Protein backbone atom coordinates (compact mmCIF):
# COMPACT_ATOMS: atom_id res chain seq x y z
CA MET A 1 -162.32 -76.13 64.62
CA ILE A 2 -164.85 -73.81 67.15
CA LYS A 3 -167.83 -73.27 65.00
CA PRO A 4 -168.54 -69.41 65.59
CA ASP A 5 -172.28 -68.58 66.84
CA LEU A 6 -172.42 -65.43 64.21
CA THR A 7 -176.01 -64.98 65.78
CA GLN A 8 -174.77 -63.55 68.82
CA PRO A 9 -174.93 -59.87 69.31
CA LEU A 10 -172.04 -57.78 69.47
CA PRO A 11 -170.48 -56.08 72.86
CA ALA A 12 -170.85 -52.09 72.89
CA GLU A 13 -167.28 -52.05 73.91
CA LEU A 14 -164.53 -54.54 73.63
CA GLY A 15 -162.03 -52.71 75.39
CA SER A 16 -158.18 -54.51 74.98
CA LEU A 17 -158.39 -57.61 72.51
CA HIS A 18 -156.34 -60.41 72.62
CA PHE A 19 -155.98 -62.60 69.37
CA VAL A 20 -155.37 -66.49 69.23
CA GLY A 21 -153.72 -67.39 65.97
CA ILE A 22 -152.93 -63.45 65.36
CA GLY A 23 -149.96 -64.05 62.94
CA GLY A 24 -152.62 -65.37 60.27
CA SER A 25 -153.09 -62.93 57.21
CA GLY A 26 -156.77 -62.09 58.23
CA MET A 27 -156.35 -61.97 61.85
CA SER A 28 -152.92 -59.80 61.75
CA GLY A 29 -154.73 -57.35 59.66
CA ILE A 30 -157.63 -56.99 61.89
CA ALA A 31 -155.14 -56.64 65.11
CA ARG A 32 -153.64 -53.94 63.03
CA LEU A 33 -156.91 -52.07 62.81
CA PHE A 34 -157.57 -52.18 66.44
CA LEU A 35 -154.24 -50.99 67.11
CA ALA A 36 -154.65 -48.07 64.71
CA ALA A 37 -157.67 -47.28 66.49
CA GLY A 38 -156.17 -47.04 69.97
CA HIS A 39 -157.05 -50.64 71.44
CA ARG A 40 -154.75 -52.40 73.58
CA VAL A 41 -153.87 -55.78 71.86
CA THR A 42 -152.39 -58.84 72.78
CA GLY A 43 -152.16 -62.01 70.89
CA SER A 44 -150.29 -65.50 70.15
CA ASP A 45 -149.26 -67.76 67.43
CA ARG A 46 -147.75 -71.42 67.42
CA SER A 47 -144.61 -69.60 65.40
CA GLU A 48 -143.24 -66.14 64.31
CA ASN A 49 -143.73 -64.65 61.14
CA HIS A 50 -143.33 -61.61 59.55
CA ASN A 51 -147.00 -60.43 60.64
CA THR A 52 -145.84 -60.91 64.46
CA GLU A 53 -142.77 -59.10 63.91
CA ALA A 54 -144.56 -55.93 62.26
CA LEU A 55 -147.29 -55.93 65.01
CA ARG A 56 -144.96 -55.94 67.65
CA GLU A 57 -143.47 -52.91 66.33
CA LEU A 58 -146.66 -51.33 66.43
CA GLY A 59 -147.07 -52.27 69.78
CA ALA A 60 -148.97 -55.69 70.44
CA THR A 61 -147.75 -57.81 72.60
CA ILE A 62 -147.32 -61.24 71.21
CA ALA A 63 -146.50 -64.51 73.03
CA ILE A 64 -145.27 -67.65 70.79
CA GLY A 65 -147.02 -71.05 72.07
CA HIS A 66 -150.35 -71.44 73.30
CA ASP A 67 -151.12 -71.22 77.16
CA ALA A 68 -153.90 -69.75 79.26
CA THR A 69 -151.60 -67.38 80.97
CA ASN A 70 -151.28 -65.27 77.46
CA LEU A 71 -154.62 -64.06 77.80
CA GLY A 72 -153.75 -61.78 80.51
CA ASP A 73 -156.19 -59.30 81.64
CA ALA A 74 -158.03 -59.10 78.25
CA ASP A 75 -161.78 -57.86 77.87
CA THR A 76 -162.54 -59.83 74.48
CA LEU A 77 -161.04 -63.04 72.83
CA VAL A 78 -160.79 -63.11 68.66
CA TYR A 79 -159.87 -66.39 67.03
CA THR A 80 -159.48 -67.40 63.88
CA GLY A 81 -161.70 -70.14 62.29
CA ALA A 82 -158.60 -73.10 62.40
CA LEU A 83 -159.03 -72.85 66.23
CA TRP A 84 -159.74 -75.87 67.87
CA PRO A 85 -161.87 -75.85 71.09
CA ASP A 86 -159.17 -77.34 73.59
CA ASN A 87 -157.16 -74.05 73.22
CA PRO A 88 -156.42 -73.02 77.10
CA GLU A 89 -156.63 -69.52 76.04
CA TYR A 90 -160.22 -70.06 74.89
CA LEU A 91 -161.13 -72.21 77.48
CA LEU A 92 -160.04 -69.47 80.24
CA ALA A 93 -161.96 -66.92 78.20
CA VAL A 94 -165.12 -69.00 78.32
CA GLN A 95 -164.36 -69.88 82.06
CA ARG A 96 -164.15 -65.87 82.87
CA GLY A 97 -167.31 -65.10 80.78
CA ILE A 98 -165.57 -62.40 78.82
CA PRO A 99 -166.70 -62.33 74.75
CA THR A 100 -165.05 -64.49 72.65
CA LEU A 101 -165.60 -63.18 68.82
CA HIS A 102 -164.84 -64.94 65.48
CA ARG A 103 -162.47 -62.61 63.75
CA SER A 104 -165.40 -61.69 61.23
CA GLN A 105 -167.31 -60.65 64.30
CA ALA A 106 -164.40 -58.23 65.72
CA LEU A 107 -164.27 -57.05 62.09
CA ALA A 108 -168.10 -56.28 61.93
CA TRP A 109 -167.70 -54.15 65.26
CA LEU A 110 -164.98 -52.39 63.64
CA ILE A 111 -166.52 -51.23 60.57
CA ASN A 112 -169.74 -49.86 62.32
CA ARG A 113 -171.43 -47.38 60.05
CA GLN A 114 -168.83 -47.13 57.03
CA ARG A 115 -169.69 -47.26 53.52
CA LEU A 116 -168.52 -51.06 52.96
CA VAL A 117 -167.39 -52.88 49.86
CA ALA A 118 -167.45 -56.19 50.51
CA VAL A 119 -165.75 -58.58 47.98
CA ALA A 120 -166.69 -62.13 48.03
CA GLY A 121 -165.98 -65.27 45.89
CA ALA A 122 -164.55 -68.73 45.57
CA HIS A 123 -161.65 -67.30 43.45
CA GLY A 124 -160.02 -63.72 42.86
CA LYS A 125 -161.17 -61.96 45.81
CA THR A 126 -157.90 -61.02 47.44
CA THR A 127 -156.69 -59.70 43.82
CA SER A 128 -159.85 -57.84 43.26
CA THR A 129 -159.82 -56.55 46.79
CA GLY A 130 -156.35 -55.39 46.39
CA MET A 131 -157.07 -53.59 43.22
CA ILE A 132 -160.08 -51.98 44.69
CA ILE A 133 -158.07 -50.84 47.45
CA THR A 134 -155.37 -49.75 45.03
CA ALA A 135 -157.15 -47.70 42.75
CA LEU A 136 -159.41 -45.92 45.70
CA LEU A 137 -155.91 -44.44 46.46
CA GLU A 138 -154.99 -43.59 43.34
CA LEU A 139 -158.39 -41.83 42.96
CA GLY A 140 -157.43 -39.59 46.20
CA GLN A 141 -159.89 -41.54 48.60
CA ASP A 142 -158.67 -42.74 51.80
CA PRO A 143 -160.21 -45.91 52.77
CA SER A 144 -159.64 -48.39 55.43
CA PHE A 145 -159.13 -51.94 54.35
CA VAL A 146 -158.63 -55.58 55.35
CA ASN A 147 -157.29 -57.71 52.50
CA GLY A 148 -156.37 -61.37 52.52
CA GLY A 149 -152.83 -60.77 51.25
CA VAL A 150 -150.29 -57.91 51.54
CA ILE A 151 -150.57 -55.54 48.79
CA GLU A 152 -147.27 -55.03 47.21
CA SER A 153 -147.03 -51.22 46.90
CA LEU A 154 -148.35 -50.81 50.44
CA GLY A 155 -146.88 -53.44 52.14
CA VAL A 156 -149.46 -53.99 54.36
CA SER A 157 -152.86 -55.92 54.06
CA SER A 158 -154.86 -53.25 55.99
CA ALA A 159 -155.02 -49.75 57.21
CA ARG A 160 -157.46 -47.35 59.13
CA GLY A 161 -158.29 -44.58 56.69
CA GLU A 162 -159.87 -41.40 57.37
CA GLY A 163 -162.44 -41.41 54.40
CA GLU A 164 -166.13 -43.12 54.72
CA ILE A 165 -165.28 -46.11 52.65
CA PHE A 166 -164.24 -49.40 53.91
CA VAL A 167 -162.93 -52.09 51.65
CA VAL A 168 -162.93 -55.72 52.85
CA GLU A 169 -162.22 -59.48 51.63
CA ALA A 170 -165.17 -60.97 52.85
CA ASP A 171 -164.79 -64.53 53.39
CA GLU A 172 -167.39 -67.16 52.37
CA SER A 173 -165.95 -69.89 53.94
CA ASP A 174 -167.72 -70.06 57.19
CA GLY A 175 -170.81 -67.86 56.24
CA SER A 176 -169.12 -65.01 58.28
CA PHE A 177 -169.35 -62.83 55.16
CA LEU A 178 -173.19 -62.33 56.11
CA LEU A 179 -172.30 -60.26 59.04
CA TYR A 180 -171.54 -57.34 57.44
CA GLU A 181 -173.85 -54.07 56.82
CA THR A 182 -172.55 -53.99 53.06
CA ALA A 183 -173.18 -51.29 50.70
CA VAL A 184 -171.57 -52.66 47.74
CA ALA A 185 -170.80 -56.27 47.06
CA LEU A 186 -168.66 -57.60 44.68
CA ILE A 187 -169.23 -61.51 43.42
CA THR A 188 -166.18 -62.86 41.56
CA ASN A 189 -167.69 -66.21 41.13
CA VAL A 190 -169.90 -68.75 43.13
CA ASP A 191 -167.72 -72.19 42.43
CA ALA A 192 -168.85 -74.25 45.16
CA ASP A 193 -166.33 -74.78 47.73
CA HIS A 194 -166.15 -75.43 51.74
CA LEU A 195 -169.21 -77.95 51.45
CA ASP A 196 -167.66 -79.07 54.82
CA HIS A 197 -169.54 -76.07 56.07
CA TYR A 198 -172.25 -75.50 53.66
CA GLY A 199 -173.38 -79.46 53.23
CA SER A 200 -174.57 -78.86 49.60
CA HIS A 201 -174.23 -76.91 46.39
CA GLU A 202 -177.65 -75.08 46.92
CA ALA A 203 -176.73 -73.95 50.43
CA PHE A 204 -173.70 -72.44 49.27
CA ASP A 205 -175.63 -70.58 46.28
CA ALA A 206 -178.36 -69.70 48.88
CA ALA A 207 -175.26 -68.24 50.80
CA PHE A 208 -174.34 -65.71 48.01
CA VAL A 209 -178.18 -64.78 47.34
CA SER A 210 -178.18 -63.71 50.92
CA PHE A 211 -174.96 -62.31 51.09
CA ALA A 212 -175.96 -59.89 47.75
CA ASN A 213 -179.70 -59.15 49.22
CA ALA A 214 -177.99 -57.53 51.83
CA ALA A 215 -176.18 -55.01 50.09
CA ALA A 216 -177.90 -51.44 50.40
CA GLU A 217 -176.44 -49.67 47.06
CA LEU A 218 -175.01 -52.22 44.65
CA VAL A 219 -174.14 -55.63 43.57
CA VAL A 220 -171.58 -56.34 40.90
CA VAL A 221 -171.70 -59.75 39.72
CA SER A 222 -169.69 -61.99 36.83
CA SER A 223 -171.72 -62.86 33.59
CA ASP A 224 -169.48 -65.58 32.93
CA ASP A 225 -169.40 -67.76 35.95
CA ALA A 226 -172.67 -70.40 36.19
CA GLY A 227 -172.67 -70.09 39.90
CA ALA A 228 -172.88 -66.22 39.57
CA ILE A 229 -175.56 -66.47 36.82
CA ARG A 230 -177.82 -68.67 39.42
CA VAL A 231 -177.38 -66.41 42.21
CA THR A 232 -178.12 -63.15 39.95
CA LYS A 233 -181.16 -64.95 38.73
CA SER A 234 -182.38 -65.29 42.26
CA LEU A 235 -181.99 -61.30 43.47
CA ALA A 236 -185.06 -59.00 42.82
CA GLY A 237 -185.17 -55.14 43.59
CA LYS A 238 -181.35 -54.82 43.77
CA ARG A 239 -179.40 -52.15 41.43
CA ILE A 240 -176.90 -55.26 39.66
CA LEU A 241 -173.94 -54.49 37.47
CA THR A 242 -172.66 -57.72 35.55
CA PHE A 243 -169.17 -57.97 34.36
CA GLY A 244 -167.30 -60.34 32.37
CA GLU A 245 -166.73 -61.41 28.43
CA ASP A 246 -170.44 -62.44 27.90
CA ALA A 247 -171.89 -60.11 25.24
CA ALA A 248 -174.77 -59.06 27.36
CA ALA A 249 -172.46 -57.84 30.45
CA ASP A 250 -173.27 -54.16 31.50
CA ILE A 251 -169.55 -54.21 31.82
CA ARG A 252 -168.10 -56.34 28.82
CA LEU A 253 -164.43 -57.55 28.87
CA HIS A 254 -162.91 -57.84 25.48
CA SER A 255 -159.67 -57.54 23.30
CA VAL A 256 -157.74 -59.59 26.35
CA VAL A 257 -154.08 -60.28 25.01
CA THR A 258 -152.10 -62.16 27.59
CA ASN A 259 -148.73 -62.22 25.47
CA GLY A 260 -146.75 -60.32 27.90
CA PRO A 261 -148.20 -57.82 30.04
CA VAL A 262 -151.85 -58.33 29.98
CA SER A 263 -154.01 -55.62 27.86
CA PHE A 264 -157.55 -55.37 27.62
CA SER A 265 -160.48 -53.24 27.09
CA VAL A 266 -164.00 -53.16 28.69
CA ARG A 267 -167.23 -51.26 27.05
CA TRP A 268 -169.18 -49.47 29.53
CA GLN A 269 -172.47 -47.59 28.42
CA GLY A 270 -171.60 -47.55 24.76
CA ALA A 271 -167.72 -46.79 25.13
CA ASP A 272 -164.56 -48.47 25.47
CA TYR A 273 -161.92 -48.22 27.96
CA ALA A 274 -158.20 -49.40 27.63
CA ALA A 275 -155.76 -50.79 30.07
CA GLN A 276 -152.45 -52.78 30.55
CA LEU A 277 -151.91 -54.44 33.94
CA ARG A 278 -148.56 -55.18 36.04
CA VAL A 279 -149.74 -58.70 37.01
CA PRO A 280 -149.99 -61.34 34.48
CA GLY A 281 -153.12 -63.81 33.53
CA HIS A 282 -156.16 -63.39 31.63
CA HIS A 283 -158.00 -64.17 34.88
CA ASN A 284 -156.46 -61.11 36.11
CA ALA A 285 -158.28 -58.84 33.35
CA VAL A 286 -161.42 -60.52 34.54
CA ASN A 287 -160.35 -59.41 37.96
CA ALA A 288 -159.81 -55.97 37.07
CA ALA A 289 -163.24 -55.64 35.11
CA GLY A 290 -165.02 -56.41 38.29
CA ALA A 291 -162.95 -53.90 40.14
CA PHE A 292 -163.88 -51.21 37.10
CA ALA A 293 -167.55 -51.96 37.77
CA VAL A 294 -167.74 -51.35 41.66
CA LEU A 295 -165.52 -48.04 40.98
CA VAL A 296 -167.82 -46.50 38.18
CA GLY A 297 -171.05 -47.97 39.88
CA MET A 298 -169.94 -45.86 42.72
CA GLY A 299 -169.40 -43.11 40.70
CA PHE A 300 -165.77 -42.88 39.96
CA ASP A 301 -164.47 -41.56 36.24
CA PRO A 302 -164.34 -44.49 33.80
CA GLN A 303 -160.75 -44.07 32.40
CA ALA A 304 -159.63 -42.74 35.84
CA SER A 305 -160.84 -46.05 37.51
CA LEU A 306 -159.20 -47.98 35.06
CA ASP A 307 -156.01 -46.12 34.92
CA ALA A 308 -155.81 -46.57 38.93
CA ILE A 309 -156.46 -50.31 38.81
CA ALA A 310 -153.83 -50.77 36.23
CA THR A 311 -150.99 -49.60 38.90
CA PHE A 312 -152.18 -52.83 41.05
CA GLY A 313 -148.70 -54.46 41.44
CA GLY A 314 -150.06 -57.61 42.97
CA THR A 315 -150.35 -59.09 46.38
CA GLU A 316 -147.86 -61.43 48.52
CA ARG A 317 -148.31 -64.96 47.60
CA ARG A 318 -150.24 -64.44 44.34
CA PHE A 319 -147.91 -65.30 41.56
CA GLU A 320 -144.91 -64.07 43.72
CA LEU A 321 -141.67 -64.42 42.69
CA ARG A 322 -139.47 -65.69 45.30
CA GLY A 323 -135.97 -66.46 43.47
CA VAL A 324 -134.25 -67.13 40.34
CA VAL A 325 -131.23 -69.76 40.76
CA ARG A 326 -129.30 -70.84 37.42
CA GLY A 327 -131.88 -69.73 35.40
CA VAL A 328 -134.79 -71.15 37.06
CA SER A 329 -137.72 -69.03 38.65
CA VAL A 330 -139.20 -70.10 41.59
CA TYR A 331 -142.87 -68.69 42.37
CA ASP A 332 -145.30 -68.87 45.07
CA ASP A 333 -149.10 -69.01 44.61
CA TYR A 334 -151.94 -69.42 47.25
CA SER A 335 -154.04 -71.22 44.68
CA HIS A 336 -155.72 -73.99 46.55
CA HIS A 337 -158.77 -75.04 44.10
CA PRO A 338 -158.61 -76.36 41.00
CA THR A 339 -160.14 -73.34 39.36
CA GLU A 340 -157.76 -71.19 41.12
CA VAL A 341 -154.84 -73.76 39.97
CA ALA A 342 -155.64 -73.67 36.46
CA ALA A 343 -155.66 -69.82 36.37
CA ALA A 344 -152.55 -69.51 38.35
CA LEU A 345 -150.77 -72.11 35.98
CA ALA A 346 -152.31 -70.40 32.72
CA SER A 347 -150.48 -67.03 34.02
CA ALA A 348 -147.06 -68.91 34.24
CA ARG A 349 -147.77 -70.18 30.82
CA THR A 350 -147.68 -66.66 29.57
CA VAL A 351 -144.37 -65.87 31.24
CA VAL A 352 -142.26 -69.42 31.12
CA GLY A 353 -141.74 -68.86 27.02
CA ASP A 354 -139.84 -71.92 26.18
CA GLY A 355 -139.38 -73.21 29.40
CA ARG A 356 -141.45 -75.73 31.28
CA ILE A 357 -143.50 -75.56 34.50
CA ILE A 358 -142.71 -77.61 37.30
CA ALA A 359 -145.61 -77.62 40.12
CA VAL A 360 -145.71 -78.30 43.67
CA HIS A 361 -148.71 -79.09 45.11
CA GLN A 362 -149.46 -79.08 48.53
CA PRO A 363 -153.17 -80.37 48.95
CA HIS A 364 -155.02 -78.12 51.30
CA LEU A 365 -157.75 -79.53 53.77
CA TYR A 366 -158.39 -83.61 54.03
CA SER A 367 -162.22 -83.13 52.96
CA ARG A 368 -161.03 -81.23 49.64
CA THR A 369 -158.68 -83.47 48.71
CA LYS A 370 -161.21 -86.77 48.94
CA MET A 371 -163.87 -84.80 47.13
CA MET A 372 -161.47 -82.82 44.24
CA ALA A 373 -158.54 -85.17 44.12
CA GLY A 374 -159.58 -86.06 40.29
CA GLU A 375 -159.85 -82.36 39.34
CA PHE A 376 -156.72 -81.40 40.46
CA ALA A 377 -154.97 -84.41 38.86
CA GLU A 378 -156.37 -83.21 35.40
CA THR A 379 -155.75 -79.48 36.31
CA TYR A 380 -152.01 -80.27 36.90
CA GLU A 381 -151.34 -83.05 34.28
CA ARG A 382 -153.41 -80.62 31.44
CA LEU A 383 -151.33 -77.51 32.41
CA ALA A 384 -148.11 -78.15 34.49
CA ASP A 385 -145.12 -80.05 32.66
CA HIS A 386 -144.24 -81.76 35.54
CA THR A 387 -146.04 -82.00 39.32
CA VAL A 388 -144.78 -82.78 42.85
CA VAL A 389 -147.30 -83.71 45.39
CA LEU A 390 -146.57 -83.32 49.06
CA ASP A 391 -149.24 -84.27 51.90
CA VAL A 392 -152.23 -82.68 53.22
CA TYR A 393 -152.25 -79.81 55.08
CA GLY A 394 -155.17 -80.25 57.04
CA ALA A 395 -155.39 -76.78 58.81
CA ARG A 396 -158.53 -77.02 60.87
CA GLU A 397 -159.55 -80.61 60.13
CA ASP A 398 -158.69 -84.09 61.60
CA PRO A 399 -157.19 -86.39 59.33
CA ILE A 400 -159.19 -88.61 57.29
CA PRO A 401 -158.05 -92.14 57.10
CA GLY A 402 -156.51 -92.98 53.89
CA VAL A 403 -156.79 -89.16 52.64
CA THR A 404 -153.24 -88.40 51.83
CA GLY A 405 -151.59 -86.56 48.56
CA ALA A 406 -151.24 -90.01 46.89
CA LEU A 407 -155.02 -89.39 46.06
CA VAL A 408 -153.79 -86.88 43.81
CA SER A 409 -150.61 -88.46 42.34
CA GLU A 410 -152.89 -91.59 41.72
CA ARG A 411 -155.24 -90.10 39.63
CA PHE A 412 -153.04 -88.89 36.96
CA ALA A 413 -153.35 -90.83 33.36
CA ASP A 414 -149.34 -90.78 32.84
CA PRO A 415 -147.38 -91.73 36.12
CA SER A 416 -144.34 -90.17 34.73
CA HIS A 417 -145.84 -86.69 34.76
CA VAL A 418 -145.98 -87.16 38.77
CA GLU A 419 -144.03 -87.93 41.77
CA TYR A 420 -145.63 -88.21 45.62
CA LEU A 421 -143.29 -87.41 47.83
CA PRO A 422 -144.26 -86.04 51.46
CA ASP A 423 -140.66 -85.61 52.75
CA TRP A 424 -140.16 -82.11 51.49
CA GLN A 425 -136.05 -82.22 51.24
CA GLU A 426 -136.80 -84.97 48.64
CA ALA A 427 -139.63 -83.05 46.94
CA ALA A 428 -137.12 -79.89 46.84
CA ASP A 429 -134.25 -82.14 45.60
CA HIS A 430 -136.56 -83.55 43.01
CA ALA A 431 -137.85 -80.30 41.69
CA ALA A 432 -134.75 -78.59 41.17
CA ALA A 433 -132.93 -81.66 39.65
CA PHE A 434 -135.86 -81.85 37.12
CA ALA A 435 -135.70 -78.28 36.40
CA ARG A 436 -133.46 -76.59 33.61
CA GLU A 437 -132.47 -72.81 32.67
CA GLY A 438 -135.67 -71.19 31.43
CA ASP A 439 -137.87 -73.34 33.65
CA ILE A 440 -140.45 -72.44 36.31
CA ILE A 441 -141.01 -73.83 39.64
CA MET A 442 -143.92 -73.07 41.33
CA THR A 443 -145.20 -73.97 44.94
CA LEU A 444 -149.10 -73.82 45.10
CA SER A 445 -151.34 -73.94 48.41
CA CYS A 446 -153.00 -71.98 51.10
CA GLY A 447 -151.09 -73.98 53.61
CA ASP A 448 -147.57 -73.57 54.37
CA VAL A 449 -146.15 -74.62 51.39
CA TYR A 450 -144.22 -71.05 51.07
CA ARG A 451 -141.96 -72.66 53.70
CA ILE A 452 -140.48 -75.22 51.03
CA VAL A 453 -139.45 -72.40 48.70
CA PRO A 454 -135.90 -71.83 50.57
CA GLN A 455 -135.60 -75.80 50.39
CA ILE A 456 -135.75 -75.59 46.43
CA LEU A 457 -133.89 -72.46 46.10
CA ALA A 458 -130.76 -74.23 48.11
CA SER A 459 -131.30 -77.25 46.01
CA LEU A 460 -131.21 -75.72 42.87
CA GLU A 461 -127.75 -74.10 44.01
CA ALA A 462 -126.51 -77.63 44.98
CA THR A 463 -127.41 -78.92 41.85
CA ALA A 464 -126.07 -76.20 39.71
CA GLU A 465 -124.91 -77.17 36.09
CA ALA A 466 -126.54 -80.77 36.94
CA THR A 467 -128.32 -82.52 34.06
CA PRO A 468 -131.93 -82.70 34.49
CA VAL A 469 -133.51 -85.74 35.74
CA ALA A 470 -136.27 -85.64 32.72
CA THR A 471 -136.75 -83.72 29.68
CA ALA A 472 -140.37 -84.21 28.87
């Protein structure tokens, strides 16, 4: 992939923009904002999806497939972190000498001098960002925003508002979250990831310290996460609000009930405020506490803020129900790190009742799979009733010899709890045959595993009335 030069000064004007990889959730959201700001936008991607279709309706010109001619007469090229340096559109832009910007640089240019709320963390940032955006709208604000997933109630992942507040999900994976002139920083957790970029846990922590220190008004940070605690200890001269279940947290989460709709209370400045969420899982009570801390820290009324957060209905690919066939519910989830997977499966357990959870895991990145195969195996074996492992979705990485999905399946203590099936049709058929009424089948990855869902639903239809292959 292209390693962006995040130190280069941004041009005063960007003119017309060409987005390479425009169909991605982050890229499409930024492209939508430039269209709303009156810029001419073109783009390209490997395949059609709902993002490319929506952008065309808004006026973007989009080509499917990558070719140098797609660049046209664009003044600026914007690229995603997954782009390879031999991309013909990128190479032509370099040859012409026009600005080539990583998507985070384009977003930083667009944010300009608005009051920026930036949400960072290894897990929970898309949901936390969505909660803050939803609450601000409920509170009568009109923020601009870019989220990493489509907010269910809004049908979009980004929009240009008329208010002074701009809310972004800030990507720590390549250090680009350090570009922004942040007013309020929310750190959901600092669970080491993306070590292929940072090289060490210490460097990963240091990036979050820099991110927090750049916040002009307020830092909101978890009181429960070990990495976040390390970062907090390194901050000086900042206004800090901590949130979590720790007794010393400024916003203390307590009385969490996850059997059914999640309910909880938060204690802030000697008073308790209660809420019931529309999204499941203990981790979402934690996310709500962080969003609450941001809002009260910005001066909004506590109970009104919590009531507004409670209207959040979720984002696409976060425990998203995709269909129910013969009593089996099929969910899709973006989780791609052991901690995220554990939270997603715990949420599923609160919903499934007496049923079982059949997980379909697509390892994401060769480096992460090599480093965390054992953690993934332990998490799935402990929290799912049966797991189907697909092959690795490499994304921006070249294959590593010997690294396949088998690395995960081979680490299960009991081989009967897992099947490594790199053929997607075999995987769909196996999951469908295993499932019985009341079960959940859940796909998990930030790769393209969501594309297997129609195959699973079709396999469930084909195996109606069939006897499950296992009853564990």
